[in-house]
Amino acid sequence: MIIDDRVRRQMYQDLEQAIGARSAEALMAHLPPVGWADVATKRDLDALRGELRAEVANLGRTVIFTNIACMIGVGGLVLAAAQLA
């Protein structure tokens, strides 16, 4: 069953009649604003954490190799400038 605004409103009205407005409001506040399929689970978060760690590790290697290349380039420029002087 797809829960849309019309169904949620009917659920609220049924709850309100059964247990009162205050309790119905408290229960409805605990429902997700979207379907359960759109709510992230712990498994989803664990998978995302693994992907982020791999991405950060890859980015770290890229930064290190880029810095090494820059240092070699600057070293070459310093040596070339020293030979001109």
N, C-alpha and C. Protein backbone atom coordinates (compact mmCIF):
# COMPACT_ATOMS: atom_id res chain seq x y z
N MET A 1 0.83 -1.17 0.00
CA MET A 1 0.00 0.00 0.00
C MET A 1 0.88 1.24 0.00
N ILE A 2 0.57 2.18 -0.87
CA ILE A 2 1.30 3.43 -0.94
C ILE A 2 0.66 4.42 0.02
N ILE A 3 1.50 4.97 0.89
CA ILE A 3 1.02 5.94 1.87
C ILE A 3 1.19 7.34 1.30
N ASP A 4 0.09 7.97 0.94
CA ASP A 4 0.14 9.34 0.47
C ASP A 4 -0.53 10.25 1.51
N ASP A 5 -0.62 11.53 1.19
CA ASP A 5 -1.18 12.48 2.16
C ASP A 5 -2.63 12.15 2.52
N ARG A 6 -3.39 11.67 1.55
CA ARG A 6 -4.79 11.33 1.81
C ARG A 6 -4.88 10.18 2.81
N VAL A 7 -4.05 9.16 2.60
CA VAL A 7 -4.04 8.00 3.50
C VAL A 7 -3.56 8.41 4.89
N ARG A 8 -2.53 9.25 4.95
CA ARG A 8 -2.01 9.71 6.25
C ARG A 8 -3.09 10.49 7.01
N ARG A 9 -3.82 11.32 6.28
CA ARG A 9 -4.89 12.10 6.92
C ARG A 9 -5.97 11.19 7.48
N GLN A 10 -6.32 10.15 6.71
CA GLN A 10 -7.34 9.20 7.17
C GLN A 10 -6.84 8.43 8.39
N MET A 11 -5.56 8.06 8.38
CA MET A 11 -4.98 7.37 9.53
C MET A 11 -5.06 8.26 10.77
N TYR A 12 -4.75 9.54 10.58
CA TYR A 12 -4.80 10.46 11.71
C TYR A 12 -6.22 10.58 12.26
N GLN A 13 -7.17 10.70 11.37
CA GLN A 13 -8.57 10.82 11.81
C GLN A 13 -9.02 9.55 12.55
N ASP A 14 -8.63 8.39 12.03
CA ASP A 14 -8.99 7.13 12.71
C ASP A 14 -8.34 7.04 14.09
N LEU A 15 -7.06 7.41 14.15
CA LEU A 15 -6.36 7.41 15.44
C LEU A 15 -6.99 8.41 16.41
N GLU A 16 -7.33 9.58 15.91
CA GLU A 16 -7.92 10.61 16.74
C GLU A 16 -9.22 10.13 17.38
N GLN A 17 -10.03 9.41 16.60
CA GLN A 17 -11.28 8.87 17.13
C GLN A 17 -11.01 7.76 18.15
N ALA A 18 -9.98 6.96 17.90
CA ALA A 18 -9.72 5.81 18.77
C ALA A 18 -9.00 6.19 20.07
N ILE A 19 -7.99 7.08 19.97
CA ILE A 19 -7.17 7.34 21.16
C ILE A 19 -7.08 8.81 21.54
N GLY A 20 -7.71 9.68 20.79
CA GLY A 20 -7.70 11.10 21.12
C GLY A 20 -6.68 11.86 20.28
N ALA A 21 -6.91 13.17 20.18
CA ALA A 21 -6.10 14.02 19.30
C ALA A 21 -4.64 14.08 19.73
N ARG A 22 -4.40 14.22 21.02
CA ARG A 22 -3.01 14.38 21.50
C ARG A 22 -2.18 13.13 21.23
N SER A 23 -2.72 11.97 21.54
CA SER A 23 -1.99 10.72 21.32
C SER A 23 -1.84 10.44 19.82
N ALA A 24 -2.88 10.75 19.05
CA ALA A 24 -2.81 10.55 17.60
C ALA A 24 -1.71 11.42 17.00
N GLU A 25 -1.62 12.64 17.47
CA GLU A 25 -0.59 13.55 16.97
C GLU A 25 0.81 13.04 17.32
N ALA A 26 0.96 12.51 18.54
CA ALA A 26 2.25 11.98 18.96
C ALA A 26 2.65 10.78 18.11
N LEU A 27 1.71 9.89 17.84
CA LEU A 27 2.01 8.72 17.01
C LEU A 27 2.35 9.11 15.58
N MET A 28 1.59 10.04 15.01
CA MET A 28 1.83 10.46 13.63
C MET A 28 3.17 11.17 13.49
N ALA A 29 3.62 11.83 14.55
CA ALA A 29 4.91 12.51 14.50
C ALA A 29 6.07 11.54 14.36
N HIS A 30 5.85 10.27 14.73
CA HIS A 30 6.91 9.27 14.63
C HIS A 30 6.96 8.57 13.27
N LEU A 31 6.01 8.85 12.42
CA LEU A 31 6.03 8.28 11.07
C LEU A 31 7.01 9.07 10.21
N PRO A 32 7.71 8.40 9.33
CA PRO A 32 8.61 9.15 8.45
C PRO A 32 7.79 10.01 7.48
N PRO A 33 8.35 11.13 7.05
CA PRO A 33 7.61 12.00 6.15
C PRO A 33 7.47 11.42 4.74
N VAL A 34 8.25 10.38 4.44
CA VAL A 34 8.20 9.71 3.15
C VAL A 34 8.00 8.22 3.39
N GLY A 35 8.00 7.44 2.33
CA GLY A 35 7.85 6.00 2.50
C GLY A 35 9.06 5.37 3.16
N TRP A 36 8.87 4.21 3.75
CA TRP A 36 9.98 3.53 4.44
C TRP A 36 11.11 3.18 3.49
N ALA A 37 10.82 3.03 2.19
CA ALA A 37 11.86 2.70 1.23
C ALA A 37 12.86 3.85 1.08
N ASP A 38 12.44 5.07 1.44
CA ASP A 38 13.31 6.24 1.30
C ASP A 38 14.12 6.53 2.56
N VAL A 39 13.93 5.78 3.61
CA VAL A 39 14.65 6.00 4.86
C VAL A 39 15.95 5.19 4.85
N ALA A 40 17.06 5.84 5.19
CA ALA A 40 18.35 5.16 5.21
C ALA A 40 18.42 4.21 6.41
N THR A 41 18.99 3.04 6.19
CA THR A 41 19.17 2.06 7.26
C THR A 41 20.62 2.09 7.73
N LYS A 42 20.90 1.39 8.81
CA LYS A 42 22.27 1.29 9.29
C LYS A 42 23.15 0.63 8.25
N ARG A 43 22.61 -0.34 7.55
CA ARG A 43 23.37 -1.01 6.49
C ARG A 43 23.74 -0.02 5.38
N ASP A 44 22.80 0.86 5.03
CA ASP A 44 23.08 1.90 4.03
C ASP A 44 24.20 2.82 4.50
N LEU A 45 24.14 3.22 5.75
CA LEU A 45 25.16 4.12 6.29
C LEU A 45 26.52 3.44 6.37
N ASP A 46 26.55 2.15 6.73
CA ASP A 46 27.81 1.41 6.76
C ASP A 46 28.42 1.32 5.37
N ALA A 47 27.59 1.08 4.37
CA ALA A 47 28.09 1.01 2.98
C ALA A 47 28.64 2.36 2.55
N LEU A 48 27.94 3.42 2.91
CA LEU A 48 28.40 4.77 2.56
C LEU A 48 29.72 5.08 3.26
N ARG A 49 29.85 4.66 4.52
CA ARG A 49 31.09 4.89 5.26
C ARG A 49 32.26 4.20 4.57
N GLY A 50 32.05 2.97 4.10
CA GLY A 50 33.11 2.26 3.39
C GLY A 50 33.50 2.95 2.10
N GLU A 51 32.50 3.43 1.36
CA GLU A 51 32.78 4.15 0.11
C GLU A 51 33.55 5.43 0.39
N LEU A 52 33.16 6.16 1.44
CA LEU A 52 33.85 7.41 1.76
C LEU A 52 35.29 7.16 2.18
N ARG A 53 35.52 6.11 2.95
CA ARG A 53 36.89 5.81 3.37
C ARG A 53 37.76 5.49 2.17
N ALA A 54 37.23 4.72 1.24
CA ALA A 54 37.99 4.39 0.03
C ALA A 54 38.28 5.65 -0.78
N GLU A 55 37.30 6.52 -0.87
CA GLU A 55 37.47 7.77 -1.63
C GLU A 55 38.52 8.67 -0.98
N VAL A 56 38.48 8.77 0.36
CA VAL A 56 39.47 9.59 1.07
C VAL A 56 40.86 9.00 0.91
N ALA A 57 40.99 7.68 0.99
CA ALA A 57 42.30 7.05 0.81
C ALA A 57 42.83 7.32 -0.60
N ASN A 58 41.96 7.22 -1.59
CA ASN A 58 42.37 7.48 -2.97
C ASN A 58 42.77 8.94 -3.14
N LEU A 59 42.02 9.83 -2.55
CA LEU A 59 42.32 11.25 -2.64
C LEU A 59 43.65 11.56 -1.94
N GLY A 60 43.92 10.89 -0.82
CA GLY A 60 45.18 11.08 -0.11
C GLY A 60 46.37 10.70 -0.97
N ARG A 61 46.27 9.58 -1.67
CA ARG A 61 47.35 9.16 -2.57
C ARG A 61 47.54 10.19 -3.68
N THR A 62 46.45 10.69 -4.22
CA THR A 62 46.53 11.69 -5.28
C THR A 62 47.24 12.95 -4.79
N VAL A 63 46.91 13.39 -3.61
CA VAL A 63 47.54 14.60 -3.05
C VAL A 63 49.04 14.36 -2.84
N ILE A 64 49.40 13.22 -2.34
CA ILE A 64 50.82 12.92 -2.10
C ILE A 64 51.60 12.92 -3.41
N PHE A 65 51.09 12.22 -4.43
CA PHE A 65 51.80 12.15 -5.70
C PHE A 65 51.86 13.51 -6.39
N THR A 66 50.81 14.31 -6.24
CA THR A 66 50.82 15.66 -6.81
C THR A 66 51.86 16.52 -6.12
N ASN A 67 51.96 16.42 -4.82
CA ASN A 67 52.97 17.18 -4.09
C ASN A 67 54.38 16.77 -4.49
N ILE A 68 54.61 15.48 -4.66
CA ILE A 68 55.93 15.00 -5.08
C ILE A 68 56.28 15.57 -6.46
N ALA A 69 55.31 15.52 -7.38
CA ALA A 69 55.55 16.06 -8.71
C ALA A 69 55.85 17.55 -8.66
N CYS A 70 55.13 18.28 -7.81
CA CYS A 70 55.39 19.72 -7.67
C CYS A 70 56.77 19.98 -7.09
N MET A 71 57.18 19.20 -6.10
CA MET A 71 58.51 19.38 -5.52
C MET A 71 59.61 19.10 -6.54
N ILE A 72 59.43 18.09 -7.35
CA ILE A 72 60.41 17.78 -8.39
C ILE A 72 60.47 18.93 -9.39
N GLY A 73 59.30 19.44 -9.77
CA GLY A 73 59.27 20.57 -10.70
C GLY A 73 59.95 21.80 -10.15
N VAL A 74 59.68 22.13 -8.90
CA VAL A 74 60.31 23.30 -8.28
C VAL A 74 61.82 23.07 -8.14
N GLY A 75 62.20 21.86 -7.80
CA GLY A 75 63.63 21.54 -7.71
C GLY A 75 64.32 21.73 -9.05
N GLY A 76 63.65 21.30 -10.11
CA GLY A 76 64.21 21.49 -11.45
C GLY A 76 64.34 22.96 -11.80
N LEU A 77 63.34 23.75 -11.42
CA LEU A 77 63.43 25.20 -11.69
C LEU A 77 64.56 25.85 -10.89
N VAL A 78 64.75 25.43 -9.66
CA VAL A 78 65.83 25.97 -8.83
C VAL A 78 67.18 25.62 -9.45
N LEU A 79 67.35 24.37 -9.90
CA LEU A 79 68.63 23.96 -10.52
C LEU A 79 68.87 24.74 -11.81
N ALA A 80 67.80 24.93 -12.62
CA ALA A 80 67.95 25.67 -13.87
C ALA A 80 68.30 27.13 -13.57
N ALA A 81 67.68 27.72 -12.57
CA ALA A 81 67.99 29.11 -12.22
C ALA A 81 69.40 29.23 -11.69
N ALA A 82 69.88 28.22 -10.96
CA ALA A 82 71.24 28.26 -10.42
C ALA A 82 72.27 28.17 -11.54
N GLN A 83 71.98 27.43 -12.59
CA GLN A 83 72.92 27.29 -13.70
C GLN A 83 72.97 28.58 -14.53
N LEU A 84 71.87 29.34 -14.57
CA LEU A 84 71.85 30.59 -15.31
C LEU A 84 72.63 31.68 -14.60
N ALA A 85 72.71 31.58 -13.29
CA ALA A 85 73.38 32.63 -12.53
C ALA A 85 74.87 32.50 -12.49
